[in-house]
Amino acid sequence: MTLPSISASAGPYRPDRARPGAFVRTAAGAVPPSGLVVLGILSVQIGAGLAKNLFTHLPPSAVVFLRIAAGAVILAAVARPRLRGLTRRDLAVGVAFGVTLGVMNLSFYEGLARLPMGICVTIEFLGPLGVAVAASRRRMDLLWVVLAAAGILLLAPWSDSDGLSWIGIGFSALAGACWAGYILLSAAAGGRFPGTTGVSFAMIVAMLVTAPVGVATGGAGLLSPELILLGAGVGLLSSVIPYSLELEALRTMPKRVFGILMSLEPAAAALVGLVVLGEFLNVREWAAIGCVVIASVGATRTS
């Protein structure tokens, strides 16, 4: 991941890159890098939509645990972590990275349970947007701050008829703050851990962080083979597949272009929410998403 570009913000959904399999390399030969990024974005959002459908069978915290556990097992098998030679400070950074990743996903899924998917992702996206703006010193960035603020004001449930949950907004905002911290810790871990050891280690820590609340709330439901399989599918769609596609795209794509494409994620979330979950947004909510997307693209171009 890069810092402070929005390309580093590929979030709950983007720890620093699993090794791509042969299927990704084959796809890369037929699909342009921009297409790989778009496929990765769609994979993440479809994974989130599938996770939200699971909320009828398991609470969000249990679904988070299934997702992270599946991702941790797959990443550990593909990119075996190598901890030999690491200092206590290195391990402390890795633990902080993993804790932030776990809290980010727990917060995001709790927000997702209370808000339409497009709105939840839009609010969460303010985290990486803030990192990009903070890294720049140009006056033009004030415009992106104003646009992002306008988007949030448009989303705020100022009356009971708006139907949005302040609790859901709070959880989504917490997820965004964790996403910003995740970007910074990802960069720190990348400089201390060899290869993909940092992300594998962080995923294991995140699994341990989410296990107590996930197991307590999920109970016997976590033993259902069908739900375990669906949870593994969420892990593949939300983690392993997009990581691999993004890494393959970044081999030939400038990071700033990658960041601009990633700025489309809130809009993609809204579209997937509409198609997969039947979540219809009003004109004001679409305008809010548009404000955040434009702010994200502008911040990426100037950072």
Foldseek 3Di string as FASTA:
>chain_A
DDPLFLLLLPDLQAFQFFAADPVLVVVCVVDALLRLLVLLLLLQLVLLLLLLVCCVQFPLLLLLLLLLVLLLVVRCVRPPADDPPADPVLVVLLLLLLQLSLLLSSLLSVLVNQDQQLLLVLLLSVQSLVRLLVVFDDPVLVLLVVLLVLLVVLQDCPDVVSRHDPSSSVSSNSSSVSSNVNSVSSVVNPVRGPDSNSVSSSSVSSSVNSVVVNCVRGPPVCVDPVSSVSSSSSNCSRYHSSSNSNVSSVVPDDSLVSSLSVLCSSVSSNVCSCVSVVDDDDPSNVSSSVSNSVSSNVSSVRD
